[in-house]
Amino acid sequence: MSMGAGYAGDITPSDALEKLEQDRQAILVDVRTTAEWESIGVPDLASVQSAPVLIEWLSYPSMDPNPGFVSELKAELDRRGAGAETPLLFLCRSGARSGAAAKAMTSLGYVKSYNIAGGFEGSAAQGLSGWRADGLPWKRP
């Protein structure tokens, strides 16, 4: 795990799944767009009796920042009984949007906000594997 600037750090997809298995309070937050969830798939967390939180960081199709991201996520975290010490594992396509989301939530006091490096798909150009490419469980919604 490497430390990120302004959040708890980057973790691999495999380490994220392991954290979800070891800490049943941990929450995976997928910040990709609705179009990405529907066309590409989402992490399947049935093995850890959980489901990812799906909230767009950037709104499709404009790709403008989602002004309701923080309020939507805080409402879902409250619904799940999460607090400032709850591990939050942020996921996007390749790790860029999720890093920004982890940084935003850290600035609001969620001190265990992690970025899943490589994201759901990874980036061949950067040599990063991703959730799906690593063979971790996923499904189409």
Protein backbone atom coordinates (compact mmCIF):
# COMPACT_ATOMS: atom_id res chain seq x y z
CA MET A 1 0.00 0.00 0.00
CA SER A 2 1.32 3.42 -0.86
CA MET A 3 0.28 6.66 0.73
CA GLY A 4 -1.67 9.06 -1.43
CA ALA A 5 -1.61 12.81 -1.09
CA GLY A 6 -4.54 13.74 1.08
CA TYR A 7 -6.05 10.28 1.74
CA ALA A 8 -5.17 7.00 3.48
CA GLY A 9 -3.41 5.55 0.45
CA ASP A 10 -3.65 3.42 -2.66
CA ILE A 11 -4.43 -0.29 -2.40
CA THR A 12 -4.64 -3.00 -5.03
CA PRO A 13 -7.99 -4.50 -6.00
CA SER A 14 -7.00 -7.78 -4.29
CA ASP A 15 -6.06 -5.92 -1.10
CA ALA A 16 -9.41 -4.09 -1.24
CA LEU A 17 -11.32 -7.37 -1.40
CA GLU A 18 -9.21 -8.75 1.45
CA LYS A 19 -10.00 -5.64 3.53
CA LEU A 20 -13.73 -6.14 2.83
CA GLU A 21 -13.42 -9.79 3.91
CA GLN A 22 -11.53 -8.94 7.12
CA ASP A 23 -13.55 -5.86 8.15
CA ARG A 24 -17.28 -6.26 7.62
CA GLN A 25 -17.72 -2.53 8.33
CA ALA A 26 -15.58 -1.57 5.29
CA ILE A 27 -17.52 -0.13 2.35
CA LEU A 28 -16.65 -0.15 -1.35
CA VAL A 29 -17.76 3.05 -3.11
CA ASP A 30 -17.87 2.80 -6.92
CA VAL A 31 -17.72 6.35 -8.31
CA ARG A 32 -17.98 5.50 -12.02
CA THR A 33 -20.96 6.59 -14.11
CA THR A 34 -24.30 4.85 -14.45
CA ALA A 35 -23.35 4.09 -18.07
CA GLU A 36 -20.16 2.36 -16.90
CA TRP A 37 -21.98 0.29 -14.27
CA GLU A 38 -24.58 -0.82 -16.79
CA SER A 39 -22.27 -1.52 -19.74
CA ILE A 40 -19.14 -2.81 -17.97
CA GLY A 41 -20.31 -4.25 -14.64
CA VAL A 42 -19.84 -3.73 -10.90
CA PRO A 43 -17.98 -5.55 -8.13
CA ASP A 44 -19.95 -8.50 -6.77
CA LEU A 45 -19.60 -8.42 -2.99
CA ALA A 46 -22.02 -11.25 -2.19
CA SER A 47 -19.14 -13.24 -0.67
CA VAL A 48 -18.78 -10.58 2.01
CA GLN A 49 -22.53 -10.04 2.43
CA SER A 50 -22.28 -6.51 1.12
CA ALA A 51 -23.05 -4.39 -1.91
CA PRO A 52 -21.05 -1.52 -3.34
CA VAL A 53 -22.29 2.03 -2.97
CA LEU A 54 -22.85 3.38 -6.49
CA ILE A 55 -22.57 7.19 -6.70
CA GLU A 56 -21.22 9.06 -9.71
CA TRP A 57 -18.25 11.35 -9.04
CA LEU A 58 -18.73 12.89 -12.49
CA SER A 59 -22.23 12.94 -13.95
CA TYR A 60 -22.80 11.23 -17.28
CA PRO A 61 -23.02 12.38 -20.06
CA SER A 62 -21.71 15.89 -19.28
CA MET A 63 -18.89 14.53 -17.07
CA ASP A 64 -19.31 17.55 -14.83
CA PRO A 65 -18.66 17.03 -11.11
CA ASN A 66 -21.69 15.58 -9.34
CA PRO A 67 -22.74 18.36 -6.94
CA GLY A 68 -24.64 15.85 -4.79
CA PHE A 69 -21.79 13.37 -4.38
CA VAL A 70 -20.88 14.21 -0.78
CA SER A 71 -24.46 14.53 0.47
CA GLU A 72 -25.54 11.31 -1.28
CA LEU A 73 -22.58 9.39 0.07
CA LYS A 74 -22.93 10.76 3.61
CA ALA A 75 -26.62 9.76 3.60
CA GLU A 76 -25.71 6.21 2.51
CA LEU A 77 -22.89 6.00 5.06
CA ASP A 78 -25.30 7.10 7.79
CA ARG A 79 -27.82 4.48 6.59
CA ARG A 80 -25.11 1.82 6.88
CA GLY A 81 -23.96 3.03 10.31
CA ALA A 82 -20.54 4.13 9.04
CA GLY A 83 -18.47 6.70 10.89
CA ALA A 84 -15.23 8.61 10.50
CA GLU A 85 -13.16 5.46 11.23
CA THR A 86 -15.00 3.20 8.76
CA PRO A 87 -12.72 2.08 5.91
CA LEU A 88 -14.02 3.50 2.62
CA LEU A 89 -12.59 1.90 -0.54
CA PHE A 90 -13.09 4.09 -3.62
CA LEU A 91 -13.19 2.55 -7.10
CA CYS A 92 -13.46 4.03 -10.61
CA ARG A 93 -12.32 2.83 -14.04
CA SER A 94 -8.58 3.34 -13.57
CA GLY A 95 -8.03 5.04 -10.20
CA ALA A 96 -8.17 8.77 -11.03
CA ARG A 97 -11.75 9.73 -10.05
CA SER A 98 -11.63 7.42 -7.05
CA GLY A 99 -8.47 9.11 -5.79
CA ALA A 100 -10.21 12.48 -5.97
CA ALA A 101 -13.23 11.07 -4.11
CA ALA A 102 -10.99 9.55 -1.41
CA LYS A 103 -9.29 12.91 -0.97
CA ALA A 104 -12.64 14.72 -0.72
CA MET A 105 -13.98 12.37 1.93
CA THR A 106 -10.72 12.49 3.90
CA SER A 107 -11.04 16.28 4.01
CA LEU A 108 -14.47 15.75 5.61
CA GLY A 109 -13.01 13.58 8.37
CA TYR A 110 -13.32 10.06 6.92
CA VAL A 111 -9.72 9.21 7.75
CA LYS A 112 -9.67 5.67 6.31
CA SER A 113 -10.50 6.62 2.71
CA TYR A 114 -8.51 4.51 0.25
CA ASN A 115 -8.14 4.61 -3.52
CA ILE A 116 -8.25 1.27 -5.35
CA ALA A 117 -5.31 1.65 -7.72
CA GLY A 118 -6.04 0.37 -11.20
CA GLY A 119 -9.77 0.71 -10.63
CA PHE A 120 -12.31 -1.67 -12.10
CA GLU A 121 -10.67 -2.08 -15.49
CA GLY A 122 -7.10 -0.94 -14.96
CA SER A 123 -4.95 0.83 -17.49
CA ALA A 124 -2.81 -1.13 -19.92
CA ALA A 125 -0.87 2.06 -20.70
CA GLN A 126 0.08 2.42 -17.03
CA GLY A 127 0.59 -1.31 -16.48
CA LEU A 128 -2.16 -1.39 -13.86
CA SER A 129 -4.38 -4.37 -13.34
CA GLY A 130 -7.94 -3.80 -12.20
CA TRP A 131 -10.76 -5.47 -10.27
CA ARG A 132 -12.14 -7.33 -13.28
CA ALA A 133 -8.77 -8.03 -14.94
CA ASP A 134 -7.53 -9.56 -11.66
CA GLY A 135 -10.40 -12.06 -11.74
CA LEU A 136 -12.17 -10.66 -8.70
CA PRO A 137 -15.94 -11.22 -8.50
CA TRP A 138 -18.07 -8.92 -10.61
CA LYS A 139 -21.47 -8.89 -12.27
CA ARG A 140 -23.68 -6.89 -14.54
CA PRO A 141 -26.36 -5.00 -12.61
